PDB file of N, CA and C in Angstrom:
ATOM      1  N   UNK A   1       0.841  -1.171   0.000  1.00  0.00           N
ATOM      2  CA  UNK A   1       0.000   0.000   0.000  1.00  0.00           C
ATOM      3  C   UNK A   1       0.892   1.241   0.000  1.00  0.00           C
ATOM      4  N   UNK A   2       0.487   2.245  -0.757  1.00  0.00           N
ATOM      5  CA  UNK A   2       1.219   3.494  -0.844  1.00  0.00           C
ATOM      6  C   UNK A   2       0.819   4.389   0.324  1.00  0.00           C
ATOM      7  N   UNK A   3       1.785   4.793   1.124  1.00  0.00           N
ATOM      8  CA  UNK A   3       1.521   5.612   2.306  1.00  0.00           C
ATOM      9  C   UNK A   3       1.758   7.096   2.044  1.00  0.00           C
ATOM     10  N   UNK A   4       2.020   7.445   0.797  1.00  0.00           N
ATOM     11  CA  UNK A   4       2.294   8.825   0.440  1.00  0.00           C
ATOM     12  C   UNK A   4       1.022   9.670   0.572  1.00  0.00           C
ATOM     13  N   UNK A   5       1.162  10.850   1.148  1.00  0.00           N
ATOM     14  CA  UNK A   5       0.039  11.758   1.336  1.00  0.00           C
ATOM     15  C   UNK A   5       0.122  12.864   0.290  1.00  0.00           C
ATOM     16  N   UNK A   6      -1.005  13.124  -0.369  1.00  0.00           N
ATOM     17  CA  UNK A   6      -1.062  14.173  -1.377  1.00  0.00           C
ATOM     18  C   UNK A   6      -1.958  15.292  -0.866  1.00  0.00           C
ATOM     19  N   UNK A   7      -1.499  16.507  -1.030  1.00  0.00           N
ATOM     20  CA  UNK A   7      -2.279  17.666  -0.640  1.00  0.00           C
ATOM     21  C   UNK A   7      -3.013  18.189  -1.862  1.00  0.00           C
ATOM     22  N   UNK A   8      -4.313  18.392  -1.719  1.00  0.00           N
ATOM     23  CA  UNK A   8      -5.119  18.939  -2.801  1.00  0.00           C
ATOM     24  C   UNK A   8      -5.360  20.426  -2.564  1.00  0.00           C
ATOM     25  N   UNK A   9      -5.217  21.200  -3.616  1.00  0.00           N
ATOM     26  CA  UNK A   9      -5.502  22.626  -3.528  1.00  0.00           C
ATOM     27  C   UNK A   9      -7.012  22.820  -3.456  1.00  0.00           C
ATOM     28  N   UNK A  10      -7.475  23.797  -2.677  1.00  0.00           N
ATOM     29  CA  UNK A  10      -8.906  24.060  -2.628  1.00  0.00           C
ATOM     30  C   UNK A  10      -9.406  24.527  -3.993  1.00  0.00           C
ATOM     31  N   UNK A  11     -10.662  24.238  -4.283  1.00  0.00           N
ATOM     32  CA  UNK A  11     -11.264  24.627  -5.553  1.00  0.00           C
ATOM     33  C   UNK A  11     -12.606  25.294  -5.285  1.00  0.00           C
ATOM     34  N   UNK A  12     -12.976  26.210  -6.163  1.00  0.00           N
ATOM     35  CA  UNK A  12     -14.269  26.873  -6.038  1.00  0.00           C
ATOM     36  C   UNK A  12     -15.293  26.260  -6.984  1.00  0.00           C
ATOM     37  N   UNK A  13     -15.012  25.041  -7.461  1.00  0.00           N
ATOM     38  CA  UNK A  13     -15.933  24.352  -8.370  1.00  0.00           C
ATOM     39  C   UNK A  13     -16.176  22.924  -7.889  1.00  0.00           C
ATOM     40  N   UNK A  14     -17.438  22.531  -7.885  1.00  0.00           N
ATOM     41  CA  UNK A  14     -17.840  21.183  -7.483  1.00  0.00           C
ATOM     42  C   UNK A  14     -18.661  20.566  -8.606  1.00  0.00           C
ATOM     43  N   UNK A  15     -18.235  19.411  -9.095  1.00  0.00           N
ATOM     44  CA  UNK A  15     -18.947  18.698 -10.147  1.00  0.00           C
ATOM     45  C   UNK A  15     -19.687  17.527  -9.503  1.00  0.00           C
ATOM     46  N   UNK A  16     -21.010  17.568  -9.532  1.00  0.00           N
ATOM     47  CA  UNK A  16     -21.833  16.547  -8.877  1.00  0.00           C
ATOM     48  C   UNK A  16     -22.025  15.288  -9.719  1.00  0.00           C
ATOM     49  N   UNK A  17     -21.540  15.272 -10.938  1.00  0.00           N
ATOM     50  CA  UNK A  17     -21.730  14.122 -11.825  1.00  0.00           C
ATOM     51  C   UNK A  17     -21.149  12.821 -11.252  1.00  0.00           C
ATOM     52  N   UNK A  18     -20.189  12.919 -10.385  1.00  0.00           N
ATOM     53  CA  UNK A  18     -19.487  11.745  -9.877  1.00  0.00           C
ATOM     54  C   UNK A  18     -20.052  11.207  -8.561  1.00  0.00           C
ATOM     55  N   UNK A  19     -21.152  11.788  -8.108  1.00  0.00           N
ATOM     56  CA  UNK A  19     -21.694  11.419  -6.809  1.00  0.00           C
ATOM     57  C   UNK A  19     -23.123  10.888  -6.913  1.00  0.00           C
ATOM     58  N   UNK A  20     -23.480  10.060  -5.949  1.00  0.00           N
ATOM     59  CA  UNK A  20     -24.845   9.532  -5.878  1.00  0.00           C
ATOM     60  C   UNK A  20     -25.754  10.613  -5.295  1.00  0.00           C
ATOM     61  N   UNK A  21     -27.024  10.650  -5.709  1.00  0.00           N
ATOM     62  CA  UNK A  21     -27.940  11.679  -5.194  1.00  0.00           C
ATOM     63  C   UNK A  21     -28.006  11.744  -3.666  1.00  0.00           C
ATOM     64  N   UNK A  22     -27.892  10.620  -2.991  1.00  0.00           N
ATOM     65  CA  UNK A  22     -27.942  10.603  -1.533  1.00  0.00           C
ATOM     66  C   UNK A  22     -26.745  11.257  -0.864  1.00  0.00           C
ATOM     67  N   UNK A  23     -25.667  11.447  -1.610  1.00  0.00           N
ATOM     68  CA  UNK A  23     -24.449  12.056  -1.061  1.00  0.00           C
ATOM     69  C   UNK A  23     -24.401  13.567  -1.259  1.00  0.00           C
ATOM     70  N   UNK A  24     -25.247  14.069  -2.132  1.00  0.00           N
ATOM     71  CA  UNK A  24     -25.129  15.443  -2.603  1.00  0.00           C
ATOM     72  C   UNK A  24     -25.447  16.492  -1.539  1.00  0.00           C
ATOM     73  N   UNK A  25     -26.466  16.278  -0.750  1.00  0.00           N
ATOM     74  CA  UNK A  25     -26.888  17.274   0.237  1.00  0.00           C
ATOM     75  C   UNK A  25     -25.750  17.647   1.190  1.00  0.00           C
ATOM     76  N   UNK A  26     -25.147  16.651   1.806  1.00  0.00           N
ATOM     77  CA  UNK A  26     -24.046  16.900   2.749  1.00  0.00           C
ATOM     78  C   UNK A  26     -22.807  17.418   2.022  1.00  0.00           C
ATOM     79  N   UNK A  27     -22.578  16.927   0.829  1.00  0.00           N
ATOM     80  CA  UNK A  27     -21.431  17.357   0.030  1.00  0.00           C
ATOM     81  C   UNK A  27     -21.505  18.853  -0.280  1.00  0.00           C
ATOM     82  N   UNK A  28     -22.670  19.329  -0.652  1.00  0.00           N
ATOM     83  CA  UNK A  28     -22.840  20.753  -0.952  1.00  0.00           C
ATOM     84  C   UNK A  28     -22.585  21.597   0.288  1.00  0.00           C
ATOM     85  N   UNK A  29     -23.094  21.175   1.434  1.00  0.00           N
ATOM     86  CA  UNK A  29     -22.843  21.903   2.692  1.00  0.00           C
ATOM     87  C   UNK A  29     -21.351  22.010   2.968  1.00  0.00           C
ATOM     88  N   UNK A  30     -20.649  20.893   2.827  1.00  0.00           N
ATOM     89  CA  UNK A  30     -19.205  20.880   3.077  1.00  0.00           C
ATOM     90  C   UNK A  30     -18.456  21.717   2.048  1.00  0.00           C
ATOM     91  N   UNK A  31     -18.908  21.688   0.807  1.00  0.00           N
ATOM     92  CA  UNK A  31     -18.266  22.472  -0.243  1.00  0.00           C
ATOM     93  C   UNK A  31     -18.388  23.971   0.030  1.00  0.00           C
ATOM     94  N   UNK A  32     -19.570  24.416   0.416  1.00  0.00           N
ATOM     95  CA  UNK A  32     -19.775  25.837   0.728  1.00  0.00           C
ATOM     96  C   UNK A  32     -18.876  26.249   1.881  1.00  0.00           C
ATOM     97  N   UNK A  33     -18.822  25.429   2.916  1.00  0.00           N
ATOM     98  CA  UNK A  33     -17.962  25.708   4.068  1.00  0.00           C
ATOM     99  C   UNK A  33     -16.496  25.782   3.637  1.00  0.00           C
ATOM    100  N   UNK A  34     -16.085  24.854   2.782  1.00  0.00           N
ATOM    101  CA  UNK A  34     -14.710  24.820   2.288  1.00  0.00           C
ATOM    102  C   UNK A  34     -14.379  26.074   1.485  1.00  0.00           C
ATOM    103  N   UNK A  35     -15.308  26.526   0.657  1.00  0.00           N
ATOM    104  CA  UNK A  35     -15.093  27.751  -0.115  1.00  0.00           C
ATOM    105  C   UNK A  35     -14.879  28.938   0.823  1.00  0.00           C
ATOM    106  N   UNK A  36     -15.708  29.039   1.854  1.00  0.00           N
ATOM    107  CA  UNK A  36     -15.588  30.135   2.821  1.00  0.00           C
ATOM    108  C   UNK A  36     -14.252  30.064   3.559  1.00  0.00           C
ATOM    109  N   UNK A  37     -13.882  28.867   4.023  1.00  0.00           N
ATOM    110  CA  UNK A  37     -12.628  28.689   4.753  1.00  0.00           C
ATOM    111  C   UNK A  37     -11.401  28.974   3.887  1.00  0.00           C
ATOM    112  N   UNK A  38     -11.534  28.742   2.582  1.00  0.00           N
ATOM    113  CA  UNK A  38     -10.416  28.952   1.652  1.00  0.00           C
ATOM    114  C   UNK A  38     -10.301  30.395   1.182  1.00  0.00           C
ATOM    115  N   UNK A  39     -11.244  31.233   1.582  1.00  0.00           N
ATOM    116  CA  UNK A  39     -11.197  32.646   1.227  1.00  0.00           C
ATOM    117  C   UNK A  39     -11.813  32.981  -0.124  1.00  0.00           C
ATOM    118  N   UNK A  40     -12.525  32.036  -0.724  1.00  0.00           N
ATOM    119  CA  UNK A  40     -13.204  32.317  -1.988  1.00  0.00           C
ATOM    120  C   UNK A  40     -14.406  33.227  -1.729  1.00  0.00           C
ATOM    121  N   UNK A  41     -14.728  34.054  -2.699  1.00  0.00           N
ATOM    122  CA  UNK A  41     -15.898  34.933  -2.575  1.00  0.00           C
ATOM    123  C   UNK A  41     -17.162  34.246  -3.075  1.00  0.00           C
ATOM    124  N   UNK A  42     -17.008  33.086  -3.670  1.00  0.00           N
ATOM    125  CA  UNK A  42     -18.135  32.327  -4.180  1.00  0.00           C
ATOM    126  C   UNK A  42     -17.660  31.029  -4.796  1.00  0.00           C
ATOM    127  N   UNK A  43     -18.547  30.387  -5.541  1.00  0.00           N
ATOM    128  CA  UNK A  43     -18.192  29.120  -6.162  1.00  0.00           C
ATOM    129  C   UNK A  43     -19.190  28.735  -7.229  1.00  0.00           C
ATOM    130  N   UNK A  44     -18.956  27.557  -7.787  1.00  0.00           N
ATOM    131  CA  UNK A  44     -19.789  27.057  -8.872  1.00  0.00           C
ATOM    132  C   UNK A  44     -20.062  25.571  -8.637  1.00  0.00           C
ATOM    133  N   UNK A  45     -21.316  25.183  -8.778  1.00  0.00           N
ATOM    134  CA  UNK A  45     -21.702  23.784  -8.629  1.00  0.00           C
ATOM    135  C   UNK A  45     -22.253  23.309  -9.973  1.00  0.00           C
ATOM    136  N   UNK A  46     -21.626  22.281 -10.529  1.00  0.00           N
ATOM    137  CA  UNK A  46     -22.063  21.703 -11.793  1.00  0.00           C
ATOM    138  C   UNK A  46     -23.007  20.553 -11.470  1.00  0.00           C
ATOM    139  N   UNK A  47     -24.275  20.724 -11.807  1.00  0.00           N
ATOM    140  CA  UNK A  47     -25.295  19.718 -11.494  1.00  0.00           C
ATOM    141  C   UNK A  47     -25.847  19.048 -12.741  1.00  0.00           C
ATOM    142  N   UNK A  48     -25.530  19.569 -13.893  1.00  0.00           N
ATOM    143  CA  UNK A  48     -26.034  19.014 -15.143  1.00  0.00           C
ATOM    144  C   UNK A  48     -27.444  19.493 -15.437  1.00  0.00           C
ATOM    145  N   UNK A  49     -27.908  19.211 -16.636  1.00  0.00           N
ATOM    146  CA  UNK A  49     -29.246  19.647 -17.049  1.00  0.00           C
ATOM    147  C   UNK A  49     -30.282  18.589 -16.710  1.00  0.00           C
ATOM    148  N   UNK A  50     -30.184  17.424 -17.241  1.00  0.00           N
ATOM    149  CA  UNK A  50     -31.036  16.284 -16.906  1.00  0.00           C
ATOM    150  C   UNK A  50     -32.481  16.619 -16.595  1.00  0.00           C
ATOM    151  N   UNK A  51     -33.010  15.985 -15.552  1.00  0.00           N
ATOM    152  CA  UNK A  51     -34.405  16.179 -15.157  1.00  0.00           C
ATOM    153  C   UNK A  51     -34.599  17.415 -14.277  1.00  0.00           C
ATOM    154  N   UNK A  52     -33.524  17.961 -13.760  1.00  0.00           N
ATOM    155  CA  UNK A  52     -33.602  19.132 -12.892  1.00  0.00           C
ATOM    156  C   UNK A  52     -33.612  18.803 -11.423  1.00  0.00           C
ATOM    157  N   UNK A  53     -33.586  17.529 -11.065  1.00  0.00           N
ATOM    158  CA  UNK A  53     -33.653  17.171  -9.641  1.00  0.00           C
ATOM    159  C   UNK A  53     -32.387  17.593  -8.895  1.00  0.00           C
ATOM    160  N   UNK A  54     -31.212  17.421  -9.494  1.00  0.00           N
ATOM    161  CA  UNK A  54     -29.979  17.861  -8.828  1.00  0.00           C
ATOM    162  C   UNK A  54     -29.913  19.386  -8.776  1.00  0.00           C
ATOM    163  N   UNK A  55     -30.409  20.052  -9.808  1.00  0.00           N
ATOM    164  CA  UNK A  55     -30.456  21.520  -9.800  1.00  0.00           C
ATOM    165  C   UNK A  55     -31.352  22.000  -8.662  1.00  0.00           C
ATOM    166  N   UNK A  56     -32.532  21.393  -8.529  1.00  0.00           N
ATOM    167  CA  UNK A  56     -33.460  21.787  -7.470  1.00  0.00           C
ATOM    168  C   UNK A  56     -32.862  21.538  -6.092  1.00  0.00           C
ATOM    169  N   UNK A  57     -32.200  20.404  -5.921  1.00  0.00           N
ATOM    170  CA  UNK A  57     -31.548  20.086  -4.646  1.00  0.00           C
ATOM    171  C   UNK A  57     -30.434  21.084  -4.357  1.00  0.00           C
ATOM    172  N   UNK A  58     -29.642  21.398  -5.381  1.00  0.00           N
ATOM    173  CA  UNK A  58     -28.561  22.380  -5.229  1.00  0.00           C
ATOM    174  C   UNK A  58     -29.117  23.728  -4.807  1.00  0.00           C
ATOM    175  N   UNK A  59     -30.164  24.190  -5.476  1.00  0.00           N
ATOM    176  CA  UNK A  59     -30.738  25.497  -5.153  1.00  0.00           C
ATOM    177  C   UNK A  59     -31.344  25.512  -3.754  1.00  0.00           C
ATOM    178  N   UNK A  60     -31.949  24.415  -3.344  1.00  0.00           N
ATOM    179  CA  UNK A  60     -32.515  24.340  -1.991  1.00  0.00           C
ATOM    180  C   UNK A  60     -31.405  24.440  -0.941  1.00  0.00           C
ATOM    181  N   UNK A  61     -30.281  23.771  -1.181  1.00  0.00           N
ATOM    182  CA  UNK A  61     -29.162  23.820  -0.243  1.00  0.00           C
ATOM    183  C   UNK A  61     -28.540  25.209  -0.198  1.00  0.00           C
ATOM    184  N   UNK A  62     -28.401  25.849  -1.350  1.00  0.00           N
ATOM    185  CA  UNK A  62     -27.841  27.203  -1.391  1.00  0.00           C
ATOM    186  C   UNK A  62     -28.767  28.192  -0.693  1.00  0.00           C
ATOM    187  N   UNK A  63     -30.063  28.053  -0.917  1.00  0.00           N
ATOM    188  CA  UNK A  63     -31.044  28.945  -0.296  1.00  0.00           C
ATOM    189  C   UNK A  63     -31.043  28.813   1.227  1.00  0.00           C
ATOM    190  N   UNK A  64     -30.860  27.600   1.715  1.00  0.00           N
ATOM    191  CA  UNK A  64     -30.912  27.337   3.156  1.00  0.00           C
ATOM    192  C   UNK A  64     -29.607  27.657   3.881  1.00  0.00           C
ATOM    193  N   UNK A  65     -28.518  27.836   3.147  1.00  0.00           N
ATOM    194  CA  UNK A  65     -27.210  28.022   3.779  1.00  0.00           C
ATOM    195  C   UNK A  65     -26.962  29.498   4.100  1.00  0.00           C
ATOM    196  N   UNK A  66     -26.678  29.793   5.359  1.00  0.00           N
ATOM    197  CA  UNK A  66     -26.495  31.171   5.816  1.00  0.00           C
ATOM    198  C   UNK A  66     -25.214  31.814   5.303  1.00  0.00           C
ATOM    199  N   UNK A  67     -24.296  31.018   4.756  1.00  0.00           N
ATOM    200  CA  UNK A  67     -23.064  31.567   4.199  1.00  0.00           C
ATOM    201  C   UNK A  67     -23.248  32.078   2.769  1.00  0.00           C
ATOM    202  N   UNK A  68     -24.368  31.721   2.145  1.00  0.00           N
ATOM    203  CA  UNK A  68     -24.617  32.075   0.748  1.00  0.00           C
ATOM    204  C   UNK A  68     -25.417  33.373   0.664  1.00  0.00           C
ATOM    205  N   UNK A  69     -24.841  34.341  -0.037  1.00  0.00           N
ATOM    206  CA  UNK A  69     -25.487  35.638  -0.221  1.00  0.00           C
ATOM    207  C   UNK A  69     -26.494  35.575  -1.366  1.00  0.00           C
ATOM    208  N   UNK A  70     -26.092  34.979  -2.501  1.00  0.00           N
ATOM    209  CA  UNK A  70     -26.967  34.889  -3.664  1.00  0.00           C
ATOM    210  C   UNK A  70     -26.486  33.776  -4.584  1.00  0.00           C
ATOM    211  N   UNK A  71     -27.347  33.379  -5.534  1.00  0.00           N
ATOM    212  CA  UNK A  71     -26.958  32.373  -6.523  1.00  0.00           C
ATOM    213  C   UNK A  71     -27.796  32.534  -7.777  1.00  0.00           C
ATOM    214  N   UNK A  72     -27.277  32.021  -8.891  1.00  0.00           N
ATOM    215  CA  UNK A  72     -27.996  32.078 -10.162  1.00  0.00           C
ATOM    216  C   UNK A  72     -27.495  30.978 -11.091  1.00  0.00           C
ATOM    217  N   UNK A  73     -28.331  30.618 -12.047  1.00  0.00           N
ATOM    218  CA  UNK A  73     -27.928  29.629 -13.044  1.00  0.00           C
ATOM    219  C   UNK A  73     -26.815  30.195 -13.910  1.00  0.00           C
ATOM    220  N   UNK A  74     -25.941  29.320 -14.359  1.00  0.00           N
ATOM    221  CA  UNK A  74     -24.867  29.712 -15.260  1.00  0.00           C
ATOM    222  C   UNK A  74     -23.689  30.325 -14.537  1.00  0.00           C
ATOM    223  N   UNK A  75     -22.745  30.811 -15.337  1.00  0.00           N
ATOM    224  CA  UNK A  75     -21.558  31.456 -14.799  1.00  0.00           C
ATOM    225  C   UNK A  75     -21.696  32.964 -14.872  1.00  0.00           C
ATOM    226  N   UNK A  76     -20.646  33.668 -14.471  1.00  0.00           N
ATOM    227  CA  UNK A  76     -20.708  35.124 -14.449  1.00  0.00           C
ATOM    228  C   UNK A  76     -20.885  35.713 -15.843  1.00  0.00           C
ATOM    229  N   UNK A  77     -20.329  35.059 -16.856  1.00  0.00           N
ATOM    230  CA  UNK A  77     -20.448  35.574 -18.211  1.00  0.00           C
ATOM    231  C   UNK A  77     -21.491  34.864 -19.043  1.00  0.00           C
ATOM    232  N   UNK A  78     -22.073  33.776 -18.525  1.00  0.00           N
ATOM    233  CA  UNK A  78     -23.028  32.995 -19.305  1.00  0.00           C
ATOM    234  C   UNK A  78     -24.144  32.490 -18.399  1.00  0.00           C
ATOM    235  N   UNK A  79     -25.175  33.281 -18.227  1.00  0.00           N
ATOM    236  CA  UNK A  79     -26.287  32.893 -17.350  1.00  0.00           C
ATOM    237  C   UNK A  79     -27.235  31.928 -18.043  1.00  0.00           C
ATOM    238  N   UNK A  80     -26.994  31.616 -19.308  1.00  0.00           N
ATOM    239  CA  UNK A  80     -27.855  30.693 -20.043  1.00  0.00           C
ATOM    240  C   UNK A  80     -27.442  29.237 -19.857  1.00  0.00           C
ATOM    241  N   UNK A  81     -26.356  28.966 -19.150  1.00  0.00           N
ATOM    242  CA  UNK A  81     -25.908  27.590 -18.927  1.00  0.00           C
ATOM    243  C   UNK A  81     -26.721  26.986 -17.788  1.00  0.00           C
ATOM    244  N   UNK A  82     -27.680  26.148 -18.122  1.00  0.00           N
ATOM    245  CA  UNK A  82     -28.562  25.547 -17.117  1.00  0.00           C
ATOM    246  C   UNK A  82     -27.924  24.389 -16.385  1.00  0.00           C
ATOM    247  N   UNK A  83     -26.729  24.006 -16.763  1.00  0.00           N
ATOM    248  CA  UNK A  83     -26.079  22.847 -16.162  1.00  0.00           C
ATOM    249  C   UNK A  83     -25.241  23.171 -14.943  1.00  0.00           C
ATOM    250  N   UNK A  84     -25.163  24.446 -14.582  1.00  0.00           N
ATOM    251  CA  UNK A  84     -24.392  24.797 -13.388  1.00  0.00           C
ATOM    252  C   UNK A  84     -25.024  25.999 -12.709  1.00  0.00           C
ATOM    253  N   UNK A  85     -24.705  26.139 -11.442  1.00  0.00           N
ATOM    254  CA  UNK A  85     -25.189  27.266 -10.638  1.00  0.00           C
ATOM    255  C   UNK A  85     -23.989  27.930  -9.977  1.00  0.00           C
ATOM    256  N   UNK A  86     -23.936  29.243 -10.060  1.00  0.00           N
ATOM    257  CA  UNK A  86     -22.866  30.024  -9.448  1.00  0.00           C
ATOM    258  C   UNK A  86     -23.430  30.719  -8.210  1.00  0.00           C
ATOM    259  N   UNK A  87     -22.642  30.752  -7.145  1.00  0.00           N
ATOM    260  CA  UNK A  87     -23.110  31.412  -5.928  1.00  0.00           C
ATOM    261  C   UNK A  87     -22.082  32.384  -5.391  1.00  0.00           C
ATOM    262  N   UNK A  88     -22.574  33.343  -4.606  1.00  0.00           N
ATOM    263  CA  UNK A  88     -21.739  34.339  -3.953  1.00  0.00           C
ATOM    264  C   UNK A  88     -21.875  34.150  -2.443  1.00  0.00           C
ATOM    265  N   UNK A  89     -20.764  34.230  -1.744  1.00  0.00           N
ATOM    266  CA  UNK A  89     -20.755  34.070  -0.286  1.00  0.00           C
ATOM    267  C   UNK A  89     -20.858  35.419   0.406  1.00  0.00           C
ATOM    268  N   UNK A  90     -21.374  35.417   1.627  1.00  0.00           N
ATOM    269  CA  UNK A  90     -21.401  36.643   2.429  1.00  0.00           C
ATOM    270  C   UNK A  90     -19.974  37.011   2.780  1.00  0.00           C
ATOM    271  N   UNK A  91     -19.768  38.274   3.102  1.00  0.00           N
ATOM    272  CA  UNK A  91     -18.428  38.744   3.489  1.00  0.00           C
ATOM    273  C   UNK A  91     -18.101  38.372   4.902  1.00  0.00           C
TER     274      UNK A  91
END
């Protein structure tokens, strides 16, 4: 077994495609906290277009989180991208 430890740089982007729906709720909470702790002013969650269930879950988590100031579909330059949501954190 390899005992080497790798340090990962913090990221302001979370791609939910690799996770099961049951894991997403807690993952989003931890991601928002991580963004705040890392000094990011916001972040981006990629939920995909699909049926909209992951988008709805993402928006519900962002709405309920006291660290989130605002959020919207798409990125800062492309609000027409329905496959991701960008959020801004409180100061």
